[in-house]
N, C-alpha and C. Protein backbone atom coordinates (compact mmCIF):
# COMPACT_ATOMS: atom_id res chain seq x y z
N MET A 1 38.28 -44.62 64.12
CA MET A 1 37.67 -45.38 62.97
C MET A 1 36.63 -46.22 63.41
N ARG A 2 35.37 -46.29 63.07
CA ARG A 2 34.26 -47.18 63.61
C ARG A 2 34.27 -48.37 62.94
N THR A 3 34.26 -49.50 63.51
CA THR A 3 34.19 -50.85 62.82
C THR A 3 33.01 -51.64 62.93
N GLY A 4 31.75 -51.15 62.93
CA GLY A 4 30.60 -52.03 63.12
C GLY A 4 29.93 -51.59 64.48
N LEU A 5 29.17 -52.72 65.14
CA LEU A 5 28.45 -52.56 66.24
C LEU A 5 29.30 -52.00 67.26
N ILE A 6 28.98 -50.86 67.94
CA ILE A 6 29.56 -50.43 69.19
C ILE A 6 29.33 -51.05 70.36
N SER A 7 30.28 -51.80 71.05
CA SER A 7 30.34 -52.40 72.18
C SER A 7 31.62 -52.64 72.84
N LYS A 8 31.69 -52.70 74.09
CA LYS A 8 33.00 -52.92 74.99
C LYS A 8 33.47 -54.23 74.57
N TYR A 9 32.75 -54.99 74.50
CA TYR A 9 33.24 -56.49 74.41
C TYR A 9 32.57 -56.91 73.04
N SER A 10 33.32 -57.31 72.06
CA SER A 10 33.00 -57.60 70.63
C SER A 10 32.81 -59.15 70.77
N THR A 11 31.81 -59.64 70.17
CA THR A 11 31.55 -61.11 70.15
C THR A 11 31.22 -61.58 68.53
N HIS A 12 31.10 -60.43 67.69
CA HIS A 12 30.74 -60.92 66.35
C HIS A 12 32.15 -61.00 65.60
N LEU A 13 32.21 -62.30 64.79
CA LEU A 13 33.44 -62.28 64.25
C LEU A 13 34.23 -61.17 63.27
N ILE A 14 33.03 -60.75 62.43
CA ILE A 14 33.32 -59.77 61.27
C ILE A 14 33.78 -58.51 62.23
N LYS A 15 33.12 -58.18 63.28
CA LYS A 15 33.61 -56.93 64.07
C LYS A 15 35.07 -57.17 64.77
N ILE A 16 35.08 -58.35 65.17
CA ILE A 16 36.58 -58.68 65.97
C ILE A 16 37.68 -58.61 64.83
N ALA A 17 37.27 -59.14 63.60
CA ALA A 17 38.32 -59.13 62.56
C ALA A 17 38.74 -57.89 62.09
N SER A 18 37.64 -56.83 61.96
CA SER A 18 37.84 -55.65 61.66
C SER A 18 38.63 -54.84 62.93
N GLU A 19 38.36 -55.16 64.10
CA GLU A 19 39.21 -54.53 64.98
C GLU A 19 40.63 -54.87 65.11
N VAL A 20 40.87 -56.22 64.69
CA VAL A 20 42.26 -56.62 64.52
C VAL A 20 43.01 -56.00 63.54
N ALA A 21 42.10 -55.67 62.36
CA ALA A 21 42.65 -55.25 61.27
C ALA A 21 43.05 -53.60 61.28
N VAL A 22 42.40 -52.88 62.24
CA VAL A 22 42.76 -51.60 62.56
C VAL A 22 43.56 -51.40 63.76
N GLY A 23 44.00 -52.54 64.36
CA GLY A 23 44.89 -52.38 65.70
C GLY A 23 44.17 -52.21 66.73
N LYS A 24 42.93 -52.35 66.97
CA LYS A 24 42.23 -52.19 68.29
C LYS A 24 42.30 -53.63 69.14
N LYS A 25 42.40 -54.82 68.51
CA LYS A 25 42.76 -56.04 69.06
C LYS A 25 44.02 -56.89 68.65
N ASP A 26 44.51 -57.41 69.44
CA ASP A 26 45.56 -58.13 69.09
C ASP A 26 45.51 -59.28 68.13
N LYS A 27 44.57 -60.20 68.48
CA LYS A 27 44.20 -61.54 67.73
C LYS A 27 42.74 -61.77 67.83
N ILE A 28 42.38 -62.73 67.07
CA ILE A 28 41.08 -63.56 67.10
C ILE A 28 41.22 -64.76 67.72
N ILE A 29 40.41 -65.12 68.42
CA ILE A 29 40.37 -66.58 69.30
C ILE A 29 39.08 -67.22 68.62
N ILE A 30 39.24 -68.43 68.06
CA ILE A 30 38.31 -69.21 67.67
C ILE A 30 38.29 -70.46 68.56
N ASN A 31 37.10 -70.72 69.05
CA ASN A 31 36.93 -71.82 70.16
C ASN A 31 36.41 -72.87 69.26
N GLY A 32 37.03 -74.03 69.46
CA GLY A 32 36.63 -75.20 68.67
C GLY A 32 37.34 -75.48 67.55
N ASP A 33 37.85 -76.74 67.23
CA ASP A 33 38.53 -77.07 65.98
C ASP A 33 38.23 -78.56 65.79
N ASP A 34 37.09 -79.01 66.28
CA ASP A 34 37.00 -80.36 66.06
C ASP A 34 35.52 -80.73 65.61
N TYR A 35 34.95 -79.78 64.74
CA TYR A 35 33.79 -79.78 63.89
C TYR A 35 33.80 -80.88 62.88
N ASP A 36 32.75 -81.39 62.43
CA ASP A 36 32.84 -82.19 61.29
C ASP A 36 32.75 -81.38 59.88
N THR A 37 33.77 -80.40 59.65
CA THR A 37 33.93 -79.43 58.55
C THR A 37 35.15 -79.70 57.95
N LEU A 38 35.36 -79.10 56.90
CA LEU A 38 36.79 -79.29 56.08
C LEU A 38 37.98 -78.95 57.10
N ASP A 39 37.81 -77.69 57.75
CA ASP A 39 38.81 -77.19 58.50
C ASP A 39 38.76 -77.47 60.12
N GLY A 40 37.58 -78.20 60.36
CA GLY A 40 37.28 -78.49 61.82
C GLY A 40 36.68 -77.22 62.68
N THR A 41 36.54 -75.96 62.03
CA THR A 41 35.87 -75.06 62.58
C THR A 41 34.40 -75.01 62.47
N ALA A 42 33.67 -74.06 63.09
CA ALA A 42 32.17 -74.10 63.06
C ALA A 42 31.86 -73.46 61.59
N VAL A 43 30.51 -73.71 61.25
CA VAL A 43 30.01 -73.21 60.01
C VAL A 43 29.06 -72.09 60.31
N ARG A 44 29.19 -70.90 59.75
CA ARG A 44 28.38 -69.85 59.99
C ARG A 44 27.74 -69.48 58.53
N ASP A 45 26.55 -68.82 58.78
CA ASP A 45 25.74 -68.26 57.60
C ASP A 45 25.72 -66.63 57.67
N TYR A 46 26.22 -66.19 56.63
CA TYR A 46 26.27 -64.73 56.54
C TYR A 46 25.38 -64.15 55.72
N ILE A 47 24.69 -62.69 55.94
CA ILE A 47 23.92 -62.25 54.77
C ILE A 47 24.23 -60.88 54.94
N HIS A 48 24.15 -60.09 53.97
CA HIS A 48 24.33 -58.71 53.90
C HIS A 48 23.13 -58.02 54.24
N VAL A 49 23.12 -56.85 54.85
CA VAL A 49 22.00 -56.08 55.41
C VAL A 49 20.94 -55.63 54.15
N SER A 50 21.60 -55.23 52.98
CA SER A 50 20.82 -54.93 51.90
C SER A 50 20.17 -56.14 51.37
N ASP A 51 20.69 -57.39 51.45
CA ASP A 51 19.93 -58.63 51.05
C ASP A 51 18.70 -58.91 52.17
N LEU A 52 18.91 -58.67 53.54
CA LEU A 52 18.04 -58.80 54.16
C LEU A 52 16.83 -57.72 53.95
N ALA A 53 17.17 -56.53 53.70
CA ALA A 53 16.21 -55.56 53.44
C ALA A 53 15.34 -56.12 52.22
N ASP A 54 15.92 -56.46 51.19
CA ASP A 54 15.33 -56.84 49.93
C ASP A 54 14.34 -57.97 50.31
N ILE A 55 14.77 -59.09 51.28
CA ILE A 55 13.79 -60.20 51.76
C ILE A 55 12.61 -59.48 52.36
N HIS A 56 12.94 -58.62 53.21
CA HIS A 56 11.66 -57.94 53.89
C HIS A 56 10.72 -57.30 52.96
N LEU A 57 11.26 -56.61 52.00
CA LEU A 57 10.31 -55.99 50.77
C LEU A 57 9.61 -57.15 50.05
N ILE A 58 10.21 -58.22 49.78
CA ILE A 58 9.63 -59.37 49.14
C ILE A 58 8.31 -59.86 49.88
N CYS A 59 8.67 -60.02 51.13
CA CYS A 59 7.64 -60.67 51.94
C CYS A 59 6.65 -59.80 52.41
N GLY A 60 6.96 -58.22 52.21
CA GLY A 60 5.78 -57.51 52.59
C GLY A 60 4.84 -57.30 51.36
N LYS A 61 5.47 -57.53 50.13
CA LYS A 61 4.76 -57.56 48.79
C LYS A 61 3.72 -58.96 49.03
N HIS A 62 4.49 -59.85 49.36
CA HIS A 62 3.64 -61.22 49.39
C HIS A 62 2.42 -61.15 50.31
N LEU A 63 2.62 -60.41 51.39
CA LEU A 63 1.59 -60.18 52.39
C LEU A 63 0.51 -59.44 51.87
N ILE A 64 0.73 -58.44 51.20
CA ILE A 64 -0.06 -57.40 50.64
C ILE A 64 -0.86 -58.22 49.49
N ALA A 65 -0.21 -59.02 48.70
CA ALA A 65 -0.80 -59.64 47.51
C ALA A 65 -1.69 -60.76 47.78
N ASN A 66 -1.18 -61.52 48.87
CA ASN A 66 -2.16 -62.79 49.21
C ASN A 66 -2.99 -62.62 50.56
N GLY A 67 -2.72 -61.42 51.36
CA GLY A 67 -3.56 -61.17 52.30
C GLY A 67 -3.45 -62.11 53.68
N GLN A 68 -2.35 -62.90 53.45
CA GLN A 68 -1.93 -63.73 54.83
C GLN A 68 -0.35 -63.69 54.83
N SER A 69 -0.04 -64.11 56.25
CA SER A 69 1.43 -64.13 56.32
C SER A 69 1.75 -65.66 56.44
N ASP A 70 2.94 -65.96 56.06
CA ASP A 70 3.41 -67.26 56.07
C ASP A 70 4.92 -67.46 56.78
N ILE A 71 5.21 -68.60 57.22
CA ILE A 71 6.38 -68.70 57.60
C ILE A 71 7.36 -68.97 56.46
N LEU A 72 8.63 -68.23 56.29
CA LEU A 72 9.39 -68.46 55.11
C LEU A 72 10.76 -68.65 55.65
N ILE A 73 11.54 -69.69 55.17
CA ILE A 73 13.01 -69.86 55.66
C ILE A 73 13.81 -69.22 54.56
N VAL A 74 14.77 -68.27 54.86
CA VAL A 74 15.71 -67.85 53.93
C VAL A 74 16.83 -68.35 54.12
N ASP A 75 17.44 -68.93 53.14
CA ASP A 75 18.72 -69.55 53.03
C ASP A 75 19.71 -68.79 52.22
N MET A 76 20.57 -68.21 52.52
CA MET A 76 21.46 -67.65 51.27
C MET A 76 22.47 -68.60 50.68
N VAL A 77 22.52 -69.80 51.25
CA VAL A 77 23.56 -70.97 50.82
C VAL A 77 24.95 -70.20 50.54
N LEU A 78 25.26 -69.64 51.88
CA LEU A 78 26.62 -69.06 52.18
C LEU A 78 27.18 -69.64 53.45
N ASP A 79 27.25 -70.72 53.79
CA ASP A 79 27.75 -71.30 54.91
C ASP A 79 29.21 -71.24 54.70
N ILE A 80 29.90 -70.65 55.65
CA ILE A 80 31.29 -70.25 55.81
C ILE A 80 32.10 -70.79 56.92
N GLN A 81 33.05 -71.61 56.76
CA GLN A 81 33.90 -72.10 57.91
C GLN A 81 34.55 -70.91 58.30
N LEU A 82 34.72 -71.04 59.71
CA LEU A 82 35.43 -69.84 60.38
C LEU A 82 36.83 -69.28 59.82
N ASN A 83 37.70 -70.40 59.79
CA ASN A 83 38.96 -70.57 59.45
C ASN A 83 39.15 -69.91 57.88
N ARG A 84 38.26 -70.39 56.95
CA ARG A 84 38.07 -70.03 55.72
C ARG A 84 37.86 -68.55 55.52
N LEU A 85 36.98 -68.21 56.32
CA LEU A 85 36.56 -66.63 56.32
C LEU A 85 37.82 -65.71 56.82
N LEU A 86 38.40 -66.12 57.74
CA LEU A 86 39.57 -65.40 58.29
C LEU A 86 40.64 -65.46 57.29
N LYS A 87 40.87 -66.54 56.66
CA LYS A 87 41.86 -66.49 55.75
C LYS A 87 41.69 -65.67 54.45
N THR A 88 40.42 -65.44 54.08
CA THR A 88 39.92 -64.62 53.05
C THR A 88 39.99 -63.04 53.51
N ILE A 89 39.83 -62.76 54.77
CA ILE A 89 39.99 -61.57 55.35
C ILE A 89 41.42 -61.17 55.24
N ILE A 90 42.32 -62.16 55.83
CA ILE A 90 43.79 -61.88 55.71
C ILE A 90 44.27 -61.48 54.29
N LYS A 91 43.89 -62.58 53.52
CA LYS A 91 44.27 -62.25 52.09
C LYS A 91 43.86 -60.93 51.39
N TYR A 92 42.75 -60.50 51.66
CA TYR A 92 42.09 -59.27 51.50
C TYR A 92 43.19 -58.14 51.94
N LEU A 93 43.18 -58.30 53.16
CA LEU A 93 44.06 -57.10 53.74
C LEU A 93 45.58 -56.96 53.25
N LYS A 94 46.14 -58.11 53.14
CA LYS A 94 47.64 -58.01 52.52
C LYS A 94 47.69 -57.09 51.14
N LYS A 95 46.45 -57.31 50.58
CA LYS A 95 46.33 -56.67 49.23
C LYS A 95 46.33 -55.13 49.31
N LYS A 96 45.70 -54.56 50.45
CA LYS A 96 45.77 -53.27 50.72
C LYS A 96 46.89 -52.48 51.23
């Protein structure tokens, strides 16, 4: 079963979580637990590839309509603490 990006040494949390879920890895290691967040772990911003594609289309239309490029900041307002994300994944997998 393919679980995302093909690489010998995974570094992406979703890929590693997928590998643990299918038994390719034994555990997930999270480095750092003293951040100024609710659970002490780092905060990450995630975006789905289809949302990113939509953003590219919108920016392309803007460029065509206005004849100039701009610098735009895209914020999906979906900051997720690592432990919270992992707990959600585990909860989901237990239902399967």
